[in-house]
Amino acid sequence: MSKDYRDLLTEAETRLTAARQLLAAEITAYPTPISGCDAQFNHLLAERRRIALALEAISVDVFIPTPRTPTRTAGVESR
């Protein structure tokens, strides 16, 4: 049985959420001395941002304008 694309999006969201939790634990456990000057710590923060952006991209509602609904507030035209 082949997977539907929505199943894959759900799986991606689940895995990204798990990665976010693991990364949060790693950041929490990171030693405190001079963490702002630590390249590894800064890399962890950058990875956290990448994961957050990926999760946002998966869950955002994308509007595609068409001639019948050129804006989000235009509503749906019925015939």
N, C-alpha and C. Protein backbone atom coordinates (compact mmCIF):
# COMPACT_ATOMS: atom_id res chain seq x y z
N MET A 1 0.84 -1.18 0.00
CA MET A 1 0.00 0.00 0.00
C MET A 1 0.89 1.25 0.00
N SER A 2 0.65 2.14 -0.93
CA SER A 2 1.46 3.36 -0.99
C SER A 2 0.91 4.41 -0.03
N LYS A 3 1.81 5.24 0.45
CA LYS A 3 1.42 6.27 1.39
C LYS A 3 0.87 7.48 0.66
N ASP A 4 -0.07 8.13 1.28
CA ASP A 4 -0.60 9.39 0.80
C ASP A 4 0.37 10.50 1.22
N TYR A 5 0.43 11.58 0.47
CA TYR A 5 1.36 12.66 0.83
C TYR A 5 1.06 13.23 2.20
N ARG A 6 -0.21 13.22 2.61
CA ARG A 6 -0.57 13.74 3.94
C ARG A 6 0.02 12.87 5.04
N ASP A 7 0.10 11.56 4.80
CA ASP A 7 0.75 10.67 5.77
C ASP A 7 2.22 11.03 5.93
N LEU A 8 2.86 11.33 4.82
CA LEU A 8 4.28 11.70 4.86
C LEU A 8 4.48 13.04 5.56
N LEU A 9 3.57 13.99 5.33
CA LEU A 9 3.67 15.27 6.04
C LEU A 9 3.49 15.09 7.54
N THR A 10 2.55 14.23 7.92
CA THR A 10 2.35 13.94 9.34
C THR A 10 3.58 13.28 9.93
N GLU A 11 4.17 12.35 9.19
CA GLU A 11 5.39 11.68 9.65
C GLU A 11 6.54 12.68 9.79
N ALA A 12 6.66 13.58 8.83
CA ALA A 12 7.72 14.59 8.89
C ALA A 12 7.52 15.49 10.11
N GLU A 13 6.29 15.88 10.36
CA GLU A 13 5.99 16.73 11.52
C GLU A 13 6.30 16.00 12.82
N THR A 14 5.95 14.72 12.88
CA THR A 14 6.24 13.91 14.07
C THR A 14 7.74 13.81 14.31
N ARG A 15 8.49 13.56 13.26
CA ARG A 15 9.95 13.42 13.39
C ARG A 15 10.61 14.75 13.74
N LEU A 16 10.13 15.83 13.14
CA LEU A 16 10.69 17.15 13.47
C LEU A 16 10.38 17.53 14.92
N THR A 17 9.20 17.18 15.39
CA THR A 17 8.85 17.45 16.78
C THR A 17 9.75 16.65 17.71
N ALA A 18 10.01 15.40 17.37
CA ALA A 18 10.92 14.58 18.17
C ALA A 18 12.33 15.16 18.15
N ALA A 19 12.78 15.62 16.99
CA ALA A 19 14.10 16.24 16.88
C ALA A 19 14.17 17.51 17.72
N ARG A 20 13.09 18.29 17.72
CA ARG A 20 13.05 19.51 18.52
C ARG A 20 13.17 19.19 20.00
N GLN A 21 12.49 18.13 20.45
CA GLN A 21 12.55 17.74 21.86
C GLN A 21 13.95 17.25 22.24
N LEU A 22 14.57 16.45 21.38
CA LEU A 22 15.93 15.98 21.64
C LEU A 22 16.92 17.14 21.68
N LEU A 23 16.77 18.06 20.76
CA LEU A 23 17.66 19.21 20.71
C LEU A 23 17.46 20.11 21.93
N ALA A 24 16.21 20.29 22.35
CA ALA A 24 15.94 21.09 23.55
C ALA A 24 16.61 20.47 24.77
N ALA A 25 16.57 19.16 24.87
CA ALA A 25 17.23 18.47 25.99
C ALA A 25 18.74 18.66 25.91
N GLU A 26 19.29 18.61 24.70
CA GLU A 26 20.73 18.79 24.53
C GLU A 26 21.14 20.22 24.89
N ILE A 27 20.34 21.20 24.49
CA ILE A 27 20.64 22.60 24.82
C ILE A 27 20.54 22.81 26.33
N THR A 28 19.52 22.22 26.95
CA THR A 28 19.35 22.34 28.40
C THR A 28 20.53 21.74 29.16
N ALA A 29 21.05 20.63 28.67
CA ALA A 29 22.15 19.94 29.34
C ALA A 29 23.52 20.53 29.00
N TYR A 30 23.55 21.51 28.10
CA TYR A 30 24.84 22.07 27.67
C TYR A 30 25.49 22.81 28.83
N PRO A 31 26.80 22.66 29.01
CA PRO A 31 27.50 23.36 30.10
C PRO A 31 27.36 24.88 29.98
N THR A 32 27.23 25.55 31.11
CA THR A 32 26.94 26.98 31.10
C THR A 32 28.10 27.93 30.82
N PRO A 33 29.35 27.61 31.10
CA PRO A 33 30.39 28.64 30.93
C PRO A 33 30.52 29.15 29.50
N ILE A 34 30.42 30.42 29.33
CA ILE A 34 30.63 31.15 28.08
C ILE A 34 29.88 30.52 26.90
N SER A 35 28.64 30.13 27.13
CA SER A 35 27.89 29.48 26.05
C SER A 35 27.66 30.39 24.86
N GLY A 36 27.57 31.70 25.07
CA GLY A 36 27.37 32.63 23.96
C GLY A 36 28.54 32.69 23.01
N CYS A 37 29.73 32.34 23.48
CA CYS A 37 30.94 32.37 22.64
C CYS A 37 31.30 30.99 22.12
N ASP A 38 30.48 30.03 22.37
CA ASP A 38 30.78 28.64 22.02
C ASP A 38 30.16 28.31 20.67
N ALA A 39 30.99 27.95 19.70
CA ALA A 39 30.51 27.65 18.35
C ALA A 39 29.56 26.47 18.34
N GLN A 40 29.81 25.46 19.15
CA GLN A 40 28.92 24.29 19.18
C GLN A 40 27.55 24.68 19.72
N PHE A 41 27.52 25.50 20.76
CA PHE A 41 26.25 25.95 21.33
C PHE A 41 25.48 26.78 20.30
N ASN A 42 26.18 27.68 19.63
CA ASN A 42 25.54 28.50 18.61
C ASN A 42 25.00 27.64 17.47
N HIS A 43 25.71 26.57 17.14
CA HIS A 43 25.24 25.63 16.12
C HIS A 43 23.94 24.96 16.57
N LEU A 44 23.86 24.58 17.85
CA LEU A 44 22.63 23.98 18.37
C LEU A 44 21.47 24.97 18.27
N LEU A 45 21.73 26.24 18.57
CA LEU A 45 20.68 27.26 18.45
C LEU A 45 20.25 27.42 16.99
N ALA A 46 21.20 27.37 16.07
CA ALA A 46 20.87 27.47 14.65
C ALA A 46 20.03 26.27 14.20
N GLU A 47 20.37 25.09 14.68
CA GLU A 47 19.60 23.89 14.35
C GLU A 47 18.18 23.99 14.91
N ARG A 48 18.06 24.55 16.11
CA ARG A 48 16.73 24.73 16.71
C ARG A 48 15.88 25.63 15.82
N ARG A 49 16.49 26.68 15.29
CA ARG A 49 15.76 27.59 14.40
C ARG A 49 15.37 26.89 13.10
N ARG A 50 16.27 26.09 12.54
CA ARG A 50 15.95 25.35 11.31
C ARG A 50 14.76 24.43 11.52
N ILE A 51 14.74 23.73 12.66
CA ILE A 51 13.63 22.82 12.95
C ILE A 51 12.34 23.61 13.10
N ALA A 52 12.40 24.73 13.81
CA ALA A 52 11.20 25.56 13.99
C ALA A 52 10.67 26.05 12.65
N LEU A 53 11.56 26.48 11.77
CA LEU A 53 11.13 26.94 10.44
C LEU A 53 10.53 25.81 9.62
N ALA A 54 11.10 24.62 9.72
CA ALA A 54 10.57 23.47 8.99
C ALA A 54 9.18 23.10 9.49
N LEU A 55 8.99 23.11 10.81
CA LEU A 55 7.67 22.82 11.37
C LEU A 55 6.66 23.87 10.95
N GLU A 56 7.08 25.12 10.93
CA GLU A 56 6.19 26.20 10.50
C GLU A 56 5.81 26.03 9.03
N ALA A 57 6.78 25.67 8.21
CA ALA A 57 6.52 25.49 6.78
C ALA A 57 5.53 24.36 6.52
N ILE A 58 5.60 23.32 7.31
CA ILE A 58 4.69 22.19 7.14
C ILE A 58 3.27 22.56 7.55
N SER A 59 3.13 23.38 8.59
CA SER A 59 1.80 23.62 9.14
C SER A 59 1.13 24.90 8.64
N VAL A 60 1.85 25.74 7.91
CA VAL A 60 1.27 27.01 7.47
C VAL A 60 0.20 26.77 6.40
N ASP A 61 -0.84 27.57 6.45
CA ASP A 61 -1.92 27.49 5.47
C ASP A 61 -1.54 28.40 4.30
N VAL A 62 -1.26 27.82 3.16
CA VAL A 62 -0.81 28.57 1.99
C VAL A 62 -2.01 28.98 1.15
N PHE A 63 -2.08 30.25 0.82
CA PHE A 63 -3.15 30.76 -0.03
C PHE A 63 -2.62 30.89 -1.45
N ILE A 64 -3.32 30.31 -2.40
CA ILE A 64 -2.98 30.43 -3.82
C ILE A 64 -4.08 31.25 -4.48
N PRO A 65 -3.76 32.47 -4.91
CA PRO A 65 -4.79 33.29 -5.53
C PRO A 65 -5.20 32.74 -6.89
N THR A 66 -6.47 32.86 -7.18
CA THR A 66 -7.02 32.46 -8.48
C THR A 66 -7.89 33.60 -8.99
N PRO A 67 -8.31 33.56 -10.24
CA PRO A 67 -9.18 34.63 -10.74
C PRO A 67 -10.49 34.75 -9.93
N ARG A 68 -11.00 33.64 -9.41
CA ARG A 68 -12.26 33.69 -8.66
C ARG A 68 -12.06 34.09 -7.20
N THR A 69 -10.89 33.83 -6.65
CA THR A 69 -10.57 34.26 -5.28
C THR A 69 -9.18 34.89 -5.28
N PRO A 70 -9.10 36.16 -5.68
CA PRO A 70 -7.79 36.81 -5.79
C PRO A 70 -7.15 37.15 -4.44
N THR A 71 -7.95 37.23 -3.39
CA THR A 71 -7.42 37.52 -2.05
C THR A 71 -8.02 36.55 -1.05
N ARG A 72 -7.39 36.45 0.12
CA ARG A 72 -7.90 35.56 1.17
C ARG A 72 -9.32 35.93 1.59
N THR A 73 -9.61 37.21 1.60
CA THR A 73 -10.91 37.67 2.10
C THR A 73 -11.99 37.71 1.03
N ALA A 74 -11.67 37.30 -0.19
CA ALA A 74 -12.63 37.36 -1.29
C ALA A 74 -13.75 36.34 -1.15
N GLY A 75 -13.54 35.31 -0.35
CA GLY A 75 -14.55 34.27 -0.22
C GLY A 75 -14.50 33.31 -1.40
N VAL A 76 -15.46 32.42 -1.45
CA VAL A 76 -15.52 31.43 -2.52
C VAL A 76 -16.74 31.73 -3.38
N GLU A 77 -16.52 31.86 -4.65
CA GLU A 77 -17.62 32.12 -5.57
C GLU A 77 -18.28 30.81 -5.96
N SER A 78 -19.59 30.78 -5.89
CA SER A 78 -20.30 29.57 -6.33
C SER A 78 -21.12 29.90 -7.56
N ARG A 79 -21.38 28.90 -8.33
CA ARG A 79 -22.17 29.10 -9.56
C ARG A 79 -23.48 28.39 -9.46
